[in-house]
Protein backbone atom coordinates (compact mmCIF):
# COMPACT_ATOMS: atom_id res chain seq x y z
CA UNK A 1 -25.48 2.11 11.27
CA UNK A 2 -22.80 5.42 10.72
CA UNK A 3 -22.88 7.08 8.05
CA UNK A 4 -20.09 6.23 5.45
CA UNK A 5 -18.26 8.86 3.63
CA UNK A 6 -18.41 8.03 -0.36
CA UNK A 7 -18.18 10.28 -3.37
CA UNK A 8 -19.40 9.66 -7.00
CA UNK A 9 -16.76 10.23 -10.08
CA UNK A 10 -16.84 10.11 -13.50
CA UNK A 11 -15.08 11.30 -16.55
CA UNK A 12 -16.63 15.02 -15.85
CA UNK A 13 -14.62 14.97 -12.32
CA UNK A 14 -11.26 13.69 -14.34
CA UNK A 15 -11.54 16.21 -17.36
CA UNK A 16 -11.01 19.01 -14.95
CA UNK A 17 -7.57 17.44 -13.20
CA UNK A 18 -6.18 14.47 -12.11
CA UNK A 19 -8.16 13.42 -8.61
CA UNK A 20 -5.64 13.33 -5.94
CA UNK A 21 -6.89 10.29 -4.17
CA UNK A 22 -4.86 10.44 -1.23
CA UNK A 23 -6.33 13.57 -0.31
CA UNK A 24 -9.71 12.38 -0.79
CA UNK A 25 -8.61 9.84 1.60
CA UNK A 26 -7.26 12.13 4.05
CA UNK A 27 -10.25 14.19 4.25
CA UNK A 28 -12.58 11.14 5.36
CA UNK A 29 -13.80 9.50 2.74
CA UNK A 30 -13.96 6.02 3.24
CA UNK A 31 -15.67 4.73 -0.60
CA UNK A 32 -15.40 6.06 -4.42
CA UNK A 33 -18.20 4.88 -6.77
CA UNK A 34 -16.65 4.90 -9.71
CA UNK A 35 -18.00 5.22 -13.43
CA UNK A 36 -17.09 2.96 -16.06
CA UNK A 37 -19.05 4.84 -18.80
CA UNK A 38 -22.54 4.97 -20.16
CA UNK A 39 -24.32 2.19 -21.89
CA UNK A 40 -25.86 2.94 -25.50
CA UNK A 41 -29.07 2.15 -26.57
CA UNK A 42 -27.91 -1.70 -27.05
CA UNK A 43 -26.08 -1.80 -24.12
CA UNK A 44 -22.80 -1.71 -25.49
CA UNK A 45 -20.51 0.34 -22.75
CA UNK A 46 -18.46 3.74 -23.80
CA UNK A 47 -16.00 3.69 -21.43
CA UNK A 48 -14.56 6.60 -19.75
CA UNK A 49 -10.56 7.45 -20.15
CA UNK A 50 -9.85 7.95 -16.63
CA UNK A 51 -11.40 4.70 -15.14
CA UNK A 52 -8.23 2.71 -15.01
CA UNK A 53 -6.64 5.27 -13.50
CA UNK A 54 -9.50 6.08 -10.99
CA UNK A 55 -9.92 2.64 -9.97
CA UNK A 56 -5.96 1.79 -9.25
CA UNK A 57 -5.52 5.46 -7.72
CA UNK A 58 -8.75 4.70 -4.86
CA UNK A 59 -7.44 1.69 -4.33
CA UNK A 60 -3.47 2.53 -3.95
CA UNK A 61 -5.27 5.08 -1.48
CA UNK A 62 -6.76 2.88 0.50
CA UNK A 63 -10.50 3.88 -0.62
CA UNK A 64 -12.93 1.24 -1.20
CA UNK A 65 -14.09 0.98 -4.57
CA UNK A 66 -17.68 0.66 -6.60
CA UNK A 67 -18.80 0.95 -10.35
CA UNK A 68 -21.38 2.47 -11.96
CA UNK A 69 -22.74 2.47 -15.56
CA UNK A 70 -25.28 5.73 -16.69
CA UNK A 71 -27.58 3.77 -19.17
CA UNK A 72 -29.68 4.86 -22.52
CA UNK A 73 -30.24 1.08 -22.71
CA UNK A 74 -33.80 0.30 -24.06
CA UNK A 75 -34.30 -3.59 -23.89
CA UNK A 76 -34.05 -6.07 -21.25
CA UNK A 77 -31.14 -7.57 -23.43
CA UNK A 78 -29.37 -4.49 -24.04
CA UNK A 79 -29.15 -3.90 -20.02
CA UNK A 80 -28.38 -7.79 -19.17
CA UNK A 81 -25.48 -6.69 -22.09
CA UNK A 82 -24.34 -3.60 -20.05
CA UNK A 83 -24.59 -5.64 -17.04
CA UNK A 84 -22.01 -8.51 -18.62
CA UNK A 85 -19.66 -5.57 -19.87
CA UNK A 86 -19.25 -4.20 -16.50
CA UNK A 87 -18.46 -7.38 -14.47
CA UNK A 88 -15.56 -8.18 -17.40
CA UNK A 89 -14.39 -5.11 -16.65
CA UNK A 90 -14.70 -5.60 -12.80
CA UNK A 91 -13.12 -8.85 -13.23
CA UNK A 92 -9.52 -7.20 -14.64
CA UNK A 93 -9.50 -5.78 -11.11
CA UNK A 94 -9.37 -8.11 -8.74
CA UNK A 95 -9.25 -7.67 -5.61
CA UNK A 96 -10.23 -3.70 -5.77
CA UNK A 97 -13.74 -3.89 -6.51
CA UNK A 98 -15.42 -3.96 -2.70
CA UNK A 99 -18.73 -2.19 -3.27
CA UNK A 100 -21.49 -2.26 -5.25
CA UNK A 101 -21.62 -2.63 -9.53
CA UNK A 102 -24.63 -0.25 -10.15
CA UNK A 103 -27.13 0.71 -12.63
CA UNK A 104 -27.63 4.40 -13.12
CA UNK A 105 -30.95 4.66 -14.37
CA UNK A 106 -32.08 8.34 -14.69
CA UNK A 107 -31.75 10.14 -18.20
CA UNK A 108 -34.76 11.82 -19.22
CA UNK A 109 -33.30 14.47 -21.27
CA UNK A 110 -33.67 11.97 -24.30
CA UNK A 111 -37.00 9.91 -24.35
CA UNK A 112 -35.05 6.69 -24.54
CA UNK A 113 -36.09 5.61 -21.22
CA UNK A 114 -39.28 7.14 -19.99
CA UNK A 115 -40.53 6.40 -23.18
CA UNK A 116 -40.38 2.36 -22.28
CA UNK A 117 -43.09 3.04 -19.96
CA UNK A 118 -43.15 2.13 -16.05
CA UNK A 119 -43.19 -1.84 -16.39
CA UNK A 120 -40.57 -2.23 -19.54
CA UNK A 121 -38.05 0.27 -17.70
CA UNK A 122 -38.42 -1.56 -14.67
CA UNK A 123 -37.84 -4.86 -16.58
CA UNK A 124 -34.21 -3.33 -18.07
CA UNK A 125 -33.21 -2.57 -14.27
CA UNK A 126 -34.17 -5.94 -12.94
CA UNK A 127 -32.35 -7.66 -15.93
CA UNK A 128 -29.19 -5.65 -15.00
CA UNK A 129 -28.97 -6.47 -11.11
CA UNK A 130 -29.86 -9.98 -11.90
CA UNK A 131 -27.26 -10.64 -14.32
CA UNK A 132 -24.60 -8.91 -12.14
CA UNK A 133 -25.85 -10.90 -9.33
CA UNK A 134 -25.41 -14.02 -11.68
CA UNK A 135 -21.74 -13.37 -12.02
CA UNK A 136 -21.13 -13.50 -8.48
CA UNK A 137 -20.94 -9.45 -7.62
CA UNK A 138 -23.22 -7.08 -5.83
CA UNK A 139 -25.57 -5.39 -7.63
CA UNK A 140 -27.71 -2.11 -6.92
CA UNK A 141 -29.18 0.60 -8.74
CA UNK A 142 -29.23 4.49 -8.62
CA UNK A 143 -31.87 7.24 -9.69
CA UNK A 144 -33.47 9.99 -7.43
CA UNK A 145 -37.00 10.33 -5.57
CA UNK A 146 -39.16 11.93 -8.37
CA UNK A 147 -37.93 9.44 -11.29
CA UNK A 148 -38.72 6.61 -9.27
CA UNK A 149 -42.18 8.02 -7.60
CA UNK A 150 -42.88 8.49 -11.84
CA UNK A 151 -41.19 6.16 -13.88
CA UNK A 152 -40.43 2.87 -11.93
CA UNK A 153 -42.06 -0.13 -10.26
CA UNK A 154 -40.70 0.39 -7.00
CA UNK A 155 -41.87 -3.13 -5.02
CA UNK A 156 -40.62 -5.12 -7.87
CA UNK A 157 -36.83 -3.13 -7.35
CA UNK A 158 -37.28 -4.43 -3.54
CA UNK A 159 -34.61 -6.99 -3.96
CA UNK A 160 -31.60 -5.02 -5.01
CA UNK A 161 -30.27 -2.57 -3.11
CA UNK A 162 -31.16 1.49 -3.94
CA UNK A 163 -28.45 4.35 -4.42
CA UNK A 164 -30.99 7.24 -4.41
CA UNK A 165 -30.15 11.28 -5.06
CA UNK A 166 -32.21 13.66 -3.24
CA UNK A 167 -30.85 17.11 -2.07
CA UNK A 168 -33.41 17.83 0.24
CA UNK A 169 -33.52 16.58 3.91
CA UNK A 170 -32.99 12.85 4.93
CA UNK A 171 -36.60 13.34 6.36
CA UNK A 172 -38.24 14.02 3.23
CA UNK A 173 -36.72 11.61 1.22
CA UNK A 174 -37.81 9.34 3.98
CA UNK A 175 -41.24 9.94 3.95
CA UNK A 176 -41.62 9.75 0.00
CA UNK A 177 -39.10 7.02 -1.28
CA UNK A 178 -41.10 4.39 0.72
CA UNK A 179 -38.48 2.15 1.14
CA UNK A 180 -34.95 1.40 2.29
CA UNK A 181 -31.63 2.21 0.71
CA UNK A 182 -28.17 1.61 0.99
CA UNK A 183 -26.51 4.81 0.01
CA UNK A 184 -27.98 8.79 -0.19
CA UNK A 185 -26.63 10.85 -2.25
CA UNK A 186 -27.52 14.46 -0.23
CA UNK A 187 -25.87 16.72 -2.45
CA UNK A 188 -24.72 17.28 -6.04
CA UNK A 189 -23.12 20.22 -8.45
CA UNK A 190 -22.96 21.84 -4.75
CA UNK A 191 -20.79 19.40 -3.42
CA UNK A 192 -16.93 19.64 -3.13
CA UNK A 193 -14.18 17.34 -1.96
CA UNK A 194 -10.31 17.90 -1.35
CA UNK A 195 -8.25 16.17 -4.11
CA UNK A 196 -11.00 16.82 -6.54
CA UNK A 197 -11.26 19.95 -9.06
CA UNK A 198 -14.41 21.45 -9.02
CA UNK A 199 -18.00 19.86 -8.07
CA UNK A 200 -18.30 16.35 -6.53
CA UNK A 201 -21.28 14.67 -5.31
CA UNK A 202 -21.28 13.32 -1.91
CA UNK A 203 -23.23 10.70 -0.21
CA UNK A 204 -23.63 8.93 2.91
CA UNK A 205 -23.46 4.67 2.86
CA UNK A 206 -25.41 2.53 5.26
CA UNK A 207 -23.85 -0.46 4.83
CA UNK A 208 -20.32 -1.69 5.37
CA UNK A 209 -20.31 -3.19 1.88
CA UNK A 210 -16.67 -3.89 1.98
CA UNK A 211 -17.51 -6.36 4.93
CA UNK A 212 -20.59 -7.75 3.41
CA UNK A 213 -19.18 -8.16 -0.20
CA UNK A 214 -15.48 -10.26 1.33
CA UNK A 215 -17.88 -12.22 3.93
CA UNK A 216 -20.25 -13.50 1.02
CA UNK A 217 -17.30 -14.37 -1.46
CA UNK A 218 -18.69 -11.80 -4.24
CA UNK A 219 -16.62 -9.05 -6.41
CA UNK A 220 -14.24 -11.73 -7.16
CA UNK A 221 -13.23 -12.53 -3.05
CA UNK A 222 -13.32 -16.18 -1.33
CA UNK A 223 -16.22 -16.56 1.05
CA UNK A 224 -14.66 -16.41 4.02
CA UNK A 225 -14.92 -19.74 5.88
CA UNK A 226 -15.33 -20.08 9.83
CA UNK A 227 -13.68 -22.62 11.26
CA UNK A 228 -15.93 -25.37 12.89
CA UNK A 229 -16.46 -25.14 16.74
CA UNK A 230 -15.26 -27.53 19.32
CA UNK A 231 -18.69 -29.02 20.48
CA UNK A 232 -19.27 -28.41 24.19
CA UNK A 233 -17.73 -30.58 27.07
CA UNK A 234 -20.18 -32.58 28.99
CA UNK A 235 -19.36 -32.94 32.46
CA UNK A 236 -18.74 -37.08 32.21
CA UNK A 237 -16.19 -35.98 29.06
CA UNK A 238 -14.47 -33.72 31.50
CA UNK A 239 -14.43 -36.48 33.84
CA UNK A 240 -13.36 -38.97 31.68
CA UNK A 241 -10.58 -37.14 30.24
CA UNK A 242 -9.28 -35.81 33.63
CA UNK A 243 -8.94 -39.68 34.65
CA UNK A 244 -7.20 -40.43 31.39
CA UNK A 245 -4.96 -37.75 31.99
CA UNK A 246 -3.86 -38.61 35.70
CA UNK A 247 -3.88 -42.72 34.35
CA UNK A 248 -1.13 -41.40 31.97
CA UNK A 249 0.67 -39.17 34.56
CA UNK A 250 0.65 -41.90 37.02
CA UNK A 251 2.27 -44.54 34.23
CA UNK A 252 4.72 -41.94 33.60
CA UNK A 253 5.63 -40.98 37.25
CA UNK A 254 6.11 -45.17 37.46
CA UNK A 255 8.61 -45.48 34.64
CA UNK A 256 10.53 -42.78 35.80
CA UNK A 257 10.84 -44.42 39.31
CA UNK A 258 11.59 -47.26 37.68
CA UNK A 259 14.28 -45.77 35.78
CA UNK A 260 15.76 -43.81 38.88
CA UNK A 261 15.91 -47.04 40.58
CA UNK A 262 17.99 -48.80 37.63
CA UNK A 263 20.64 -46.16 37.70
CA UNK A 264 20.67 -46.50 41.84
CA UNK A 265 21.26 -49.88 41.13
CA UNK A 266 23.95 -49.50 38.41
CA UNK A 267 25.58 -47.26 40.56
CA UNK A 268 25.92 -49.63 43.60
CA UNK A 269 27.19 -51.79 41.44
CA UNK A 270 29.64 -49.64 40.26
CA UNK A 271 30.53 -48.76 43.70
CA UNK A 272 30.57 -52.18 44.99
CA UNK A 273 33.27 -52.84 41.88
CA UNK A 274 35.95 -49.45 42.82
CA UNK A 275 35.86 -50.79 46.45
CA UNK A 276 36.65 -54.24 45.38
CA UNK A 277 39.55 -53.32 43.00
CA UNK A 278 40.81 -51.08 45.65
CA UNK A 279 41.29 -54.18 48.27
CA UNK A 280 43.12 -56.23 45.75
CA UNK A 281 45.52 -53.39 45.01
CA UNK A 282 46.21 -53.19 48.98
CA UNK A 283 46.83 -56.90 49.72
């Protein structure tokens, strides 16, 4: 499908000035991925102070809203806890979260993730995504191309949508990532967006997430119910229906004729009585 313009926002942008989401919407942006906060080593979330304004402001402006958690979680239990707390927050904004809940796994300045090794770190991503899905939300994970190649077991993460950052060309990304992806962050610190003060990451989404999520009944939405289709009418059925309609029509016509005849008879009787009365009066 066509590229859908999406930005991502965290406390960093909000600290530079309150975001004007109406200007963001007017610029052609369709969706906003908003950071909930970051998950500590044990998975507990430190929530961005601007989260409530960002969610409600973006929703009021008519933008699709997704959420992401930047992670330092060091175990599957911690990742699962982060997912549970993220979903608990999303549940407070029923009807507003129309994009996925994302696990942002990219930290390298601290060794908490890279020291886990490929298998265990991949386990944490699986744990987060599985828990988000178990609780009825659309799960996704985020990272950049080099991190995937060095630290994660990509085939194990195939069941979950990927949001990938790569600031080179799409052709190079496609050649190196080795799988499909739902969103591409194509520019980072050099990006900008009307309504946002300072740098702003820009992305393309390649799926209509709001439509997918609503149709599947995820993220707190009721699943769309398709009304049962009327069985196709066979020629025999059609003939029987027409005959029944004609019979009913004939019966109704006969009923009307009887009623008309009765009215005519009543008229004739009344006429005869009037004529007799006149005759009596003139004798």
